[in-house]
Amino acid sequence: MRLGNINGLRFKQLKLVILAFFILFLLWKWEKGTYYDSGVLQPDPLVLTHPANSKFVDQHTSSEEDFPSEDILPQSVVKVEKQLTGAPPPLSMVGYSVDVADENEVPPPEKKECNYRNGKWVSDNRRPLYSGFGCKQWLSESWSCRLTQRKDFAYEKFRWQPEACEMPEFEASEFLRRMQDKTIAYVGDSLGRQMFQSMMCMVTGGKQRPDVEDVGAEYGFVLAPGAKRPDGWAYRFPSTNTTILYHWSSTLCDLEPLNPSDRATSYAMHLDRPPAFLKNNLHRFHVLILNTGHHWNRGKLKANRWEMYLGGAPNNNRNIAVIWKAKNFTVHSVIKWLDAQLPDHPQLKVFYRSISPRHFFNGDWNTGGRCDNTNPLAKGSGIHLNHSEDTDAEGAVRGTRIKLLDVTALSRLRDEGHISRYSIKATPGVQDCLHWCLPGVPDTWNEILAAQL
């Protein structure tokens, strides 16, 4: 019995010793980082439903003929941001000598390029970058929601935080210094004009600037007889010789009056020709931002008396005649033309801005559609996508030197930022869920543009 007890005691002591060695081994391996997995720090992805099955799907002002019935936007993957506490600190990398070759050594990871498409909206009390009350010199009254009956302005207090990098804070004087002796040109529809007015407010801080020169006449921006507004605006900052301009070209194709002597004439809509303004002034630009999209519907073509032309003659290609295909054909055409021009204009950087999402719920602009939500980020705060939601724009710039300014998905989360029913000249029962309140979402588009410059 005594021998058995002794043997049992020794066996228990041996197990305790083995257990202690095993625990010491685990602690040693943890310290070395073997069992540290950074993947556990990643937030869980939440896959949204396909836009076609969502009440947030963009509506179109056109008939079914104008756009495909099936929504071709990819599924959005939204990362749910969680506050992580108690996580181990990141492991520091051990330096190595470049003079000694060792096959077992791991080179440092390549610096990850900033992805401006993916990220999250974060609250920032330093916003907005300018006052909607004060920027009357550059900002249209109808887009300054501070001048309307709107009472909630929480939408002004957000900035975009890109994934895996810090986007530099926009600083007006520093931006103008970088743009010294340069011309920035916005060419597109009214959403492009919003971006232009946003930039003018950002670089002036929304303050009155009597020193800024109106140089619109240099670009042919004069008010034509009977017109409500000129085809564009251009302003120059004398201190840095920086020019910022906007030219209205809602379809990015050349429009030519069929009978110039008749004010009621129809226009040839040359799908395969860039706007004459671009051809005549491209050599003067250093930064060019293009956009189009919402004017491509049958109602707009009919109201403006636009007739599709191809190869200098009325278009007889029934396939291209479908509205959304005509738009894509035009976008590919102008981008291909610009890409061919870039070798002769080494100073020029060209951006194509993806489409700005519309947020008409329970109808369209003329059928009682509304965007009454005032709760910021009701659909989530973050975006993580492998591709642009504007697949047409992404496909058009692929393989070219034109950069995609991808704002579609991040803007889709901001349905509370539209003008809604608060337009100064609002029509009863009609809401503006296309244009944005300024200051607002288009400021972020310009911040991303400035960061990529």
Protein backbone atom coordinates (compact mmCIF):
# COMPACT_ATOMS: atom_id res chain seq x y z
CA MET A 1 0.00 0.00 0.00
CA ARG A 2 2.76 2.44 0.92
CA LEU A 3 4.63 1.80 -2.36
CA GLY A 4 1.43 2.35 -4.31
CA ASN A 5 0.84 5.68 -2.60
CA ILE A 6 4.36 6.82 -3.35
CA ASN A 7 4.06 5.87 -7.00
CA GLY A 8 0.71 7.67 -7.25
CA LEU A 9 2.16 10.82 -5.70
CA ARG A 10 5.13 10.79 -8.06
CA PHE A 11 2.81 10.41 -11.06
CA LYS A 12 0.75 13.41 -9.97
CA GLN A 13 3.90 15.47 -9.52
CA LEU A 14 5.08 14.43 -12.99
CA LYS A 15 1.76 15.57 -14.51
CA LEU A 16 2.04 18.92 -12.77
CA VAL A 17 5.56 19.40 -14.11
CA ILE A 18 4.47 18.52 -17.66
CA LEU A 19 1.48 20.89 -17.38
CA ALA A 20 3.73 23.71 -16.15
CA PHE A 21 6.14 23.21 -19.08
CA PHE A 22 3.18 23.24 -21.52
CA ILE A 23 1.83 26.50 -20.07
CA LEU A 24 5.29 28.08 -20.29
CA PHE A 25 5.50 26.95 -23.94
CA LEU A 26 2.14 28.54 -24.76
CA LEU A 27 3.14 31.81 -23.10
CA TRP A 28 6.42 31.82 -25.07
CA LYS A 29 4.60 31.22 -28.35
CA TRP A 30 2.06 33.98 -27.57
CA GLU A 31 4.88 36.43 -26.89
CA LYS A 32 6.43 35.52 -30.23
CA GLY A 33 3.12 36.24 -31.93
CA THR A 34 2.51 32.73 -33.29
CA TYR A 35 -1.09 32.60 -32.12
CA TYR A 36 -1.92 36.29 -32.72
CA ASP A 37 -4.42 36.53 -35.53
CA SER A 38 -5.25 40.07 -36.63
CA GLY A 39 -8.28 38.67 -38.38
CA VAL A 40 -10.21 38.51 -35.12
CA LEU A 41 -10.16 42.31 -35.03
CA GLN A 42 -12.09 42.64 -38.26
CA PRO A 43 -15.77 43.61 -37.93
CA ASP A 44 -18.30 41.14 -39.19
CA PRO A 45 -19.54 41.91 -42.70
CA LEU A 46 -23.25 42.44 -43.20
CA VAL A 47 -24.53 41.71 -46.69
CA LEU A 48 -27.40 43.92 -47.78
CA THR A 49 -30.17 42.71 -50.01
CA HIS A 50 -29.94 43.34 -53.73
CA PRO A 51 -31.04 46.91 -54.53
CA ALA A 52 -33.90 45.57 -56.65
CA ASN A 53 -35.41 44.08 -53.49
CA SER A 54 -34.82 47.14 -51.31
CA LYS A 55 -37.09 50.09 -50.65
CA PHE A 56 -33.97 52.24 -51.06
CA VAL A 57 -33.53 51.36 -54.74
CA ASP A 58 -33.01 54.35 -57.02
CA GLN A 59 -36.05 55.18 -59.10
CA HIS A 60 -35.76 56.61 -62.60
CA THR A 61 -37.69 59.43 -64.22
CA SER A 62 -37.94 57.44 -67.41
CA SER A 63 -40.05 54.62 -68.74
CA GLU A 64 -39.05 50.96 -68.66
CA GLU A 65 -37.75 51.41 -72.17
CA ASP A 66 -35.03 53.77 -70.98
CA PHE A 67 -33.35 51.55 -68.39
CA PRO A 68 -33.08 47.80 -67.97
CA SER A 69 -35.78 46.36 -65.77
CA GLU A 70 -33.23 44.41 -63.79
CA ASP A 71 -31.05 46.49 -61.47
CA ILE A 72 -27.47 45.80 -62.49
CA LEU A 73 -25.92 47.35 -59.41
CA PRO A 74 -23.86 44.82 -57.45
CA GLN A 75 -24.81 43.77 -53.97
CA SER A 76 -23.45 46.14 -51.36
CA VAL A 77 -21.42 44.80 -48.48
CA VAL A 78 -21.61 47.08 -45.47
CA LYS A 79 -19.18 46.59 -42.62
CA VAL A 80 -20.86 47.11 -39.27
CA GLU A 81 -18.42 49.20 -37.29
CA LYS A 82 -17.92 47.94 -33.74
CA GLN A 83 -15.89 49.48 -30.92
CA LEU A 84 -13.24 46.95 -29.96
CA THR A 85 -11.70 47.14 -26.52
CA GLY A 86 -9.01 45.14 -24.82
CA ALA A 87 -7.45 44.05 -28.10
CA PRO A 88 -3.71 43.27 -28.02
CA PRO A 89 -1.51 45.97 -29.54
CA PRO A 90 -0.20 45.43 -33.06
CA LEU A 91 3.06 43.55 -33.21
CA SER A 92 6.07 45.57 -34.22
CA MET A 93 8.17 44.29 -37.08
CA VAL A 94 11.77 43.33 -36.54
CA GLY A 95 14.14 45.25 -38.79
CA TYR A 96 16.52 43.37 -41.03
CA SER A 97 19.74 44.17 -42.81
CA VAL A 98 19.69 44.53 -46.57
CA ASP A 99 23.30 43.37 -46.68
CA VAL A 100 22.53 39.86 -45.53
CA ALA A 101 20.47 37.56 -47.72
CA ASP A 102 18.25 35.17 -45.83
CA GLU A 103 15.59 33.15 -47.59
CA ASN A 104 13.64 32.88 -44.33
CA GLU A 105 13.32 36.63 -43.84
CA VAL A 106 9.96 38.18 -44.71
CA PRO A 107 10.12 41.56 -46.46
CA PRO A 108 8.02 44.37 -45.02
CA PRO A 109 4.47 44.56 -46.39
CA GLU A 110 3.84 46.92 -49.28
CA LYS A 111 2.11 50.17 -48.38
CA LYS A 112 -1.61 49.79 -49.04
CA GLU A 113 -3.03 52.37 -51.44
CA CYS A 114 -5.77 54.48 -49.91
CA ASN A 115 -9.18 53.23 -50.97
CA TYR A 116 -11.50 56.22 -51.04
CA ARG A 117 -14.50 54.17 -52.15
CA ASN A 118 -14.59 52.10 -48.97
CA GLY A 119 -14.80 53.48 -45.47
CA LYS A 120 -17.35 54.96 -43.10
CA TRP A 121 -19.13 58.19 -42.24
CA VAL A 122 -18.02 59.58 -38.88
CA SER A 123 -19.42 62.45 -36.84
CA ASP A 124 -17.24 65.56 -36.84
CA ASN A 125 -18.26 68.71 -34.96
CA ARG A 126 -15.71 70.73 -36.96
CA ARG A 127 -18.05 70.47 -39.92
CA PRO A 128 -19.36 72.04 -42.07
CA LEU A 129 -16.41 73.52 -43.95
CA TYR A 130 -18.43 76.68 -44.66
CA SER A 131 -21.74 78.26 -43.74
CA GLY A 132 -24.81 77.91 -45.91
CA PHE A 133 -25.87 81.31 -44.61
CA GLY A 134 -22.64 82.99 -45.66
CA CYS A 135 -21.76 81.50 -49.03
CA LYS A 136 -24.26 83.57 -50.98
CA GLN A 137 -21.69 84.76 -53.53
CA TRP A 138 -21.27 81.27 -55.00
CA LEU A 139 -24.13 79.11 -53.72
CA SER A 140 -27.57 78.98 -55.33
CA GLU A 141 -30.34 79.84 -52.88
CA SER A 142 -32.32 76.77 -53.88
CA TRP A 143 -29.46 74.54 -52.69
CA SER A 144 -28.73 76.31 -49.42
CA CYS A 145 -31.05 74.48 -47.05
CA ARG A 146 -30.15 76.93 -44.27
CA LEU A 147 -32.23 79.50 -46.12
CA THR A 148 -35.33 77.27 -46.16
CA GLN A 149 -37.81 76.09 -43.52
CA ARG A 150 -35.64 73.10 -42.69
CA LYS A 151 -34.85 72.82 -38.97
CA ASP A 152 -32.55 69.80 -38.75
CA PHE A 153 -28.95 70.18 -39.88
CA ALA A 154 -27.32 67.06 -38.48
CA TYR A 155 -26.43 66.07 -42.06
CA GLU A 156 -23.77 68.82 -42.06
CA LYS A 157 -21.76 67.18 -39.27
CA PHE A 158 -20.27 64.15 -41.02
CA ARG A 159 -17.03 63.47 -42.85
CA TRP A 160 -15.93 60.45 -44.84
CA GLN A 161 -13.19 58.28 -43.31
CA PRO A 162 -11.60 56.06 -46.01
CA GLU A 163 -10.63 52.51 -45.23
CA ALA A 164 -7.09 51.84 -43.98
CA CYS A 165 -5.85 55.43 -44.36
CA GLU A 166 -6.37 58.99 -43.21
CA MET A 167 -7.79 61.44 -45.73
CA PRO A 168 -6.06 64.80 -45.30
CA GLU A 169 -8.20 67.59 -43.94
CA PHE A 170 -9.19 70.06 -46.64
CA GLU A 171 -7.45 73.37 -46.08
CA ALA A 172 -8.41 76.14 -48.48
CA SER A 173 -5.16 78.14 -48.64
CA GLU A 174 -3.06 74.99 -48.95
CA PHE A 175 -5.29 73.68 -51.74
CA LEU A 176 -5.04 76.95 -53.68
CA ARG A 177 -1.27 76.90 -53.22
CA ARG A 178 -1.12 73.40 -54.73
CA MET A 179 -3.35 74.57 -57.55
CA GLN A 180 -1.23 77.63 -58.32
CA ASP A 181 -1.31 78.55 -62.03
CA LYS A 182 -3.80 75.73 -62.65
CA THR A 183 -7.35 75.50 -63.98
CA ILE A 184 -9.93 73.13 -62.50
CA ALA A 185 -12.86 72.40 -64.82
CA TYR A 186 -16.15 70.71 -63.92
CA VAL A 187 -18.11 69.57 -66.97
CA GLY A 188 -21.47 67.85 -66.52
CA ASP A 189 -25.06 68.22 -65.37
CA SER A 190 -26.60 70.01 -62.38
CA LEU A 191 -24.92 67.56 -59.98
CA GLY A 192 -21.64 68.71 -61.51
CA ARG A 193 -22.74 72.29 -60.90
CA GLN A 194 -23.40 71.42 -57.27
CA MET A 195 -19.86 70.09 -57.00
CA PHE A 196 -18.53 73.30 -58.59
CA GLN A 197 -20.46 75.53 -56.18
CA SER A 198 -19.35 73.35 -53.29
CA MET A 199 -15.71 73.82 -54.30
CA MET A 200 -16.13 77.58 -54.60
CA CYS A 201 -17.57 77.68 -51.07
CA MET A 202 -14.83 75.40 -49.74
CA VAL A 203 -11.90 77.41 -51.11
CA THR A 204 -13.39 80.70 -49.89
CA GLY A 205 -14.64 79.34 -46.58
CA GLY A 206 -18.02 80.66 -47.64
CA LYS A 207 -16.78 84.24 -47.27
CA GLN A 208 -17.28 87.17 -49.62
CA ARG A 209 -14.26 87.52 -51.89
CA PRO A 210 -14.36 90.73 -53.95
CA ASP A 211 -10.83 90.00 -55.18
CA VAL A 212 -11.95 86.87 -57.06
CA GLU A 213 -12.32 87.68 -60.75
CA ASP A 214 -15.19 86.61 -62.98
CA VAL A 215 -13.44 85.34 -66.11
CA GLY A 216 -16.42 83.58 -67.69
CA ALA A 217 -16.12 85.64 -70.88
CA GLU A 218 -12.71 84.04 -71.54
CA TYR A 219 -14.53 80.72 -71.94
CA GLY A 220 -17.58 82.01 -73.80
CA PHE A 221 -19.83 81.99 -70.75
CA VAL A 222 -22.19 84.81 -71.69
CA LEU A 223 -25.93 84.95 -71.20
CA ALA A 224 -27.57 84.23 -74.55
CA PRO A 225 -30.79 86.07 -75.50
CA GLY A 226 -33.75 84.38 -73.88
CA ALA A 227 -31.59 82.07 -71.74
CA LYS A 228 -32.12 81.75 -67.97
CA ARG A 229 -28.42 81.29 -67.26
CA PRO A 230 -25.12 81.06 -69.18
CA ASP A 231 -23.59 77.73 -70.16
CA GLY A 232 -21.11 78.05 -67.33
CA TRP A 233 -19.16 80.14 -64.85
CA ALA A 234 -15.43 80.70 -64.35
CA TYR A 235 -13.64 82.44 -61.47
CA ARG A 236 -9.96 83.21 -60.92
CA PHE A 237 -8.12 83.67 -57.63
CA PRO A 238 -5.43 86.32 -58.37
CA SER A 239 -3.24 85.39 -55.40
CA THR A 240 -2.45 81.96 -56.88
CA ASN A 241 -3.71 82.40 -60.45
CA THR A 242 -6.07 79.47 -59.86
CA THR A 243 -9.16 79.22 -62.07
CA ILE A 244 -12.22 77.15 -61.15
CA LEU A 245 -14.96 76.76 -63.75
CA TYR A 246 -18.08 74.84 -64.62
CA HIS A 247 -19.55 74.11 -68.07
CA TRP A 248 -23.02 72.69 -68.48
CA SER A 249 -22.99 69.52 -70.57
CA SER A 250 -25.61 67.21 -69.15
CA THR A 251 -24.94 64.35 -71.60
CA LEU A 252 -21.19 64.82 -72.36
CA CYS A 253 -21.83 64.66 -76.07
CA ASP A 254 -21.76 67.43 -78.66
CA LEU A 255 -25.06 69.25 -79.24
CA GLU A 256 -25.47 70.99 -82.60
CA PRO A 257 -28.53 73.00 -83.65
CA LEU A 258 -30.06 71.58 -86.81
CA ASN A 259 -31.30 75.02 -87.86
CA PRO A 260 -29.27 77.77 -86.12
CA SER A 261 -31.59 80.50 -87.38
CA ASP A 262 -34.61 78.94 -85.66
CA ARG A 263 -34.81 79.37 -81.87
CA ALA A 264 -37.18 76.40 -81.69
CA THR A 265 -34.85 74.13 -83.63
CA SER A 266 -34.02 70.57 -82.69
CA TYR A 267 -30.46 69.56 -81.83
CA ALA A 268 -28.26 66.81 -83.18
CA MET A 269 -27.05 64.83 -80.20
CA HIS A 270 -23.73 63.47 -81.51
CA LEU A 271 -23.16 60.38 -79.37
CA ASP A 272 -19.67 59.84 -80.79
CA ARG A 273 -18.40 63.41 -80.41
CA PRO A 274 -17.13 65.08 -77.23
CA PRO A 275 -18.61 68.48 -76.36
CA ALA A 276 -17.13 71.27 -78.48
CA PHE A 277 -16.22 73.07 -75.25
CA LEU A 278 -13.83 70.25 -74.35
CA LYS A 279 -12.23 70.15 -77.77
CA ASN A 280 -11.70 73.91 -77.79
CA ASN A 281 -10.39 74.31 -74.22
CA LEU A 282 -8.73 71.05 -73.22
CA HIS A 283 -5.24 72.57 -73.53
CA ARG A 284 -6.16 75.13 -70.83
CA PHE A 285 -7.13 72.60 -68.15
CA HIS A 286 -5.04 70.92 -65.47
CA VAL A 287 -7.84 69.09 -63.63
CA LEU A 288 -11.02 67.93 -65.39
CA ILE A 289 -14.01 66.36 -63.62
CA LEU A 290 -16.78 64.87 -65.78
CA ASN A 291 -20.19 63.49 -64.93
CA THR A 292 -23.47 62.57 -66.59
CA GLY A 293 -26.42 60.27 -66.00
CA HIS A 294 -29.76 61.70 -64.89
CA HIS A 295 -30.60 63.53 -68.12
CA TRP A 296 -30.58 60.27 -70.06
CA ASN A 297 -34.31 59.62 -70.26
CA ARG A 298 -36.98 60.02 -72.94
CA GLY A 299 -38.62 62.93 -71.16
CA LYS A 300 -35.43 65.01 -71.22
CA LEU A 301 -34.70 64.22 -74.87
CA LYS A 302 -38.20 65.20 -75.90
CA ALA A 303 -38.29 68.38 -73.81
CA ASN A 304 -34.89 69.54 -75.12
CA ARG A 305 -35.57 68.43 -78.72
CA TRP A 306 -32.45 66.26 -78.80
CA GLU A 307 -32.13 63.75 -81.62
CA MET A 308 -29.51 61.01 -81.53
CA TYR A 309 -26.85 61.22 -84.24
CA LEU A 310 -24.03 58.80 -85.01
CA GLY A 311 -21.33 59.34 -87.61
CA GLY A 312 -22.80 62.72 -88.48
CA ALA A 313 -26.19 61.29 -89.44
CA PRO A 314 -29.38 60.33 -87.58
CA ASN A 315 -28.77 57.17 -85.59
CA ASN A 316 -30.24 54.07 -87.24
CA ASN A 317 -28.65 51.59 -84.84
CA ARG A 318 -31.66 50.31 -82.91
CA ASN A 319 -29.42 48.75 -80.28
CA ILE A 320 -27.69 52.03 -79.40
CA ALA A 321 -31.03 53.86 -79.56
CA VAL A 322 -32.02 52.33 -76.21
CA ILE A 323 -31.45 55.17 -73.75
CA TRP A 324 -29.16 53.49 -71.22
CA LYS A 325 -27.09 51.96 -74.02
CA ALA A 326 -26.81 55.35 -75.73
CA LYS A 327 -25.55 56.82 -72.46
CA ASN A 328 -22.93 54.11 -72.03
CA PHE A 329 -21.86 54.46 -75.65
CA THR A 330 -21.39 58.21 -75.15
CA VAL A 331 -19.46 57.86 -71.89
CA HIS A 332 -17.12 55.27 -73.41
CA SER A 333 -16.69 57.48 -76.45
CA VAL A 334 -15.71 60.66 -74.57
CA ILE A 335 -13.40 58.80 -72.18
CA LYS A 336 -11.69 57.02 -75.06
CA TRP A 337 -11.21 60.37 -76.79
CA LEU A 338 -9.78 61.98 -73.66
CA ASP A 339 -7.43 59.07 -73.04
CA ALA A 340 -6.06 59.51 -76.57
CA GLN A 341 -5.51 63.24 -75.89
CA LEU A 342 -3.58 62.84 -72.64
CA PRO A 343 -0.13 62.23 -74.21
CA ASP A 344 -0.41 65.68 -75.80
CA HIS A 345 -1.52 67.24 -72.50
CA PRO A 346 0.86 65.89 -69.82
CA GLN A 347 -0.30 68.53 -67.35
CA LEU A 348 -3.87 67.23 -67.36
CA LYS A 349 -5.52 64.90 -64.82
CA VAL A 350 -9.00 63.65 -65.73
CA PHE A 351 -11.62 62.22 -63.37
CA TYR A 352 -14.96 60.69 -64.25
CA ARG A 353 -17.35 61.00 -61.31
CA SER A 354 -19.67 58.05 -60.78
CA ILE A 355 -23.40 58.66 -60.65
CA SER A 356 -24.99 60.41 -57.69
CA PRO A 357 -27.78 58.23 -56.25
CA ARG A 358 -31.39 59.37 -56.10
CA HIS A 359 -33.54 58.57 -53.07
CA PHE A 360 -37.18 58.76 -54.12
CA PHE A 361 -39.20 56.45 -51.84
CA ASN A 362 -42.76 55.32 -52.57
CA GLY A 363 -42.87 56.98 -55.98
CA ASP A 364 -40.85 59.19 -58.29
CA TRP A 365 -40.37 62.93 -58.50
CA ASN A 366 -43.73 63.38 -60.25
CA THR A 367 -45.71 60.63 -58.53
CA GLY A 368 -45.39 61.61 -54.87
CA GLY A 369 -41.93 60.16 -54.24
CA ARG A 370 -40.47 61.37 -50.97
CA CYS A 371 -37.18 61.56 -49.05
CA ASP A 372 -38.39 62.72 -45.64
CA ASN A 373 -35.86 60.86 -43.51
CA THR A 374 -33.86 63.21 -41.26
CA ASN A 375 -32.06 60.49 -39.30
CA PRO A 376 -28.42 60.36 -40.50
CA LEU A 377 -27.02 56.98 -41.48
CA ALA A 378 -30.31 55.15 -41.03
CA LYS A 379 -29.04 52.56 -43.53
CA GLY A 380 -25.62 52.12 -41.91
CA SER A 381 -22.38 54.06 -41.76
CA GLY A 382 -19.83 51.95 -43.61
CA ILE A 383 -19.16 50.57 -47.07
CA HIS A 384 -16.87 47.76 -48.21
CA LEU A 385 -17.15 46.91 -51.90
CA ASN A 386 -14.88 45.09 -54.32
CA HIS A 387 -16.29 47.06 -57.25
CA SER A 388 -18.06 50.34 -57.86
CA GLU A 389 -21.84 50.41 -57.62
CA ASP A 390 -21.69 52.37 -60.88
CA THR A 391 -20.45 49.47 -62.98
CA ASP A 392 -20.94 51.42 -66.20
CA ALA A 393 -18.58 54.17 -65.06
CA GLU A 394 -16.06 51.66 -63.76
CA GLY A 395 -16.11 49.79 -67.06
CA ALA A 396 -15.70 52.98 -69.08
CA VAL A 397 -12.45 54.04 -67.34
CA ARG A 398 -10.97 50.54 -67.14
CA GLY A 399 -7.75 50.32 -69.12
CA THR A 400 -7.48 54.10 -69.52
CA ARG A 401 -5.58 56.84 -67.73
CA ILE A 402 -8.86 58.41 -66.61
CA LYS A 403 -9.49 58.02 -62.87
CA LEU A 404 -12.85 57.07 -61.40
CA LEU A 405 -14.08 59.41 -58.69
CA ASP A 406 -16.30 56.82 -57.06
CA VAL A 407 -18.95 58.44 -54.86
CA THR A 408 -22.05 56.32 -55.52
CA ALA A 409 -22.06 53.86 -52.62
CA LEU A 410 -20.93 56.31 -49.94
CA SER A 411 -23.57 58.83 -51.08
CA ARG A 412 -26.28 56.15 -51.08
CA LEU A 413 -26.04 56.06 -47.28
CA ARG A 414 -26.93 59.76 -47.02
CA ASP A 415 -30.57 59.93 -48.07
CA GLU A 416 -31.23 62.51 -45.33
CA GLY A 417 -28.96 65.01 -47.09
CA HIS A 418 -31.26 65.81 -50.04
CA ILE A 419 -33.19 69.05 -50.44
CA SER A 420 -36.42 67.08 -50.04
CA ARG A 421 -39.49 69.31 -49.57
CA TYR A 422 -37.48 72.30 -48.39
CA SER A 423 -36.74 73.87 -51.76
CA ILE A 424 -37.41 77.63 -51.83
CA LYS A 425 -39.37 77.21 -55.06
CA ALA A 426 -40.94 73.92 -54.11
CA THR A 427 -44.01 72.64 -55.92
CA PRO A 428 -46.63 71.16 -53.57
CA GLY A 429 -46.37 67.39 -53.56
CA VAL A 430 -43.01 67.39 -55.38
CA GLN A 431 -39.77 66.73 -53.50
CA ASP A 432 -36.19 67.10 -54.69
CA CYS A 433 -34.51 63.80 -53.83
CA LEU A 434 -31.87 64.21 -56.53
CA HIS A 435 -29.95 67.36 -55.55
CA TRP A 436 -28.18 67.76 -52.22
CA CYS A 437 -28.29 70.40 -49.52
CA LEU A 438 -25.11 72.48 -49.43
CA PRO A 439 -23.02 72.35 -47.35
CA GLY A 440 -23.41 68.61 -47.55
CA VAL A 441 -22.49 65.43 -49.40
CA PRO A 442 -20.89 67.06 -52.51
CA ASP A 443 -18.29 68.63 -50.19
CA THR A 444 -17.06 65.10 -49.53
CA TRP A 445 -16.78 64.45 -53.26
CA ASN A 446 -14.46 67.46 -53.50
CA GLU A 447 -12.46 66.34 -50.49
CA ILE A 448 -11.84 62.98 -52.14
CA LEU A 449 -10.90 64.78 -55.36
CA ALA A 450 -8.45 67.04 -53.51
CA ALA A 451 -6.90 64.04 -51.76
CA GLN A 452 -6.31 62.29 -55.09
CA LEU A 453 -4.63 65.37 -56.55
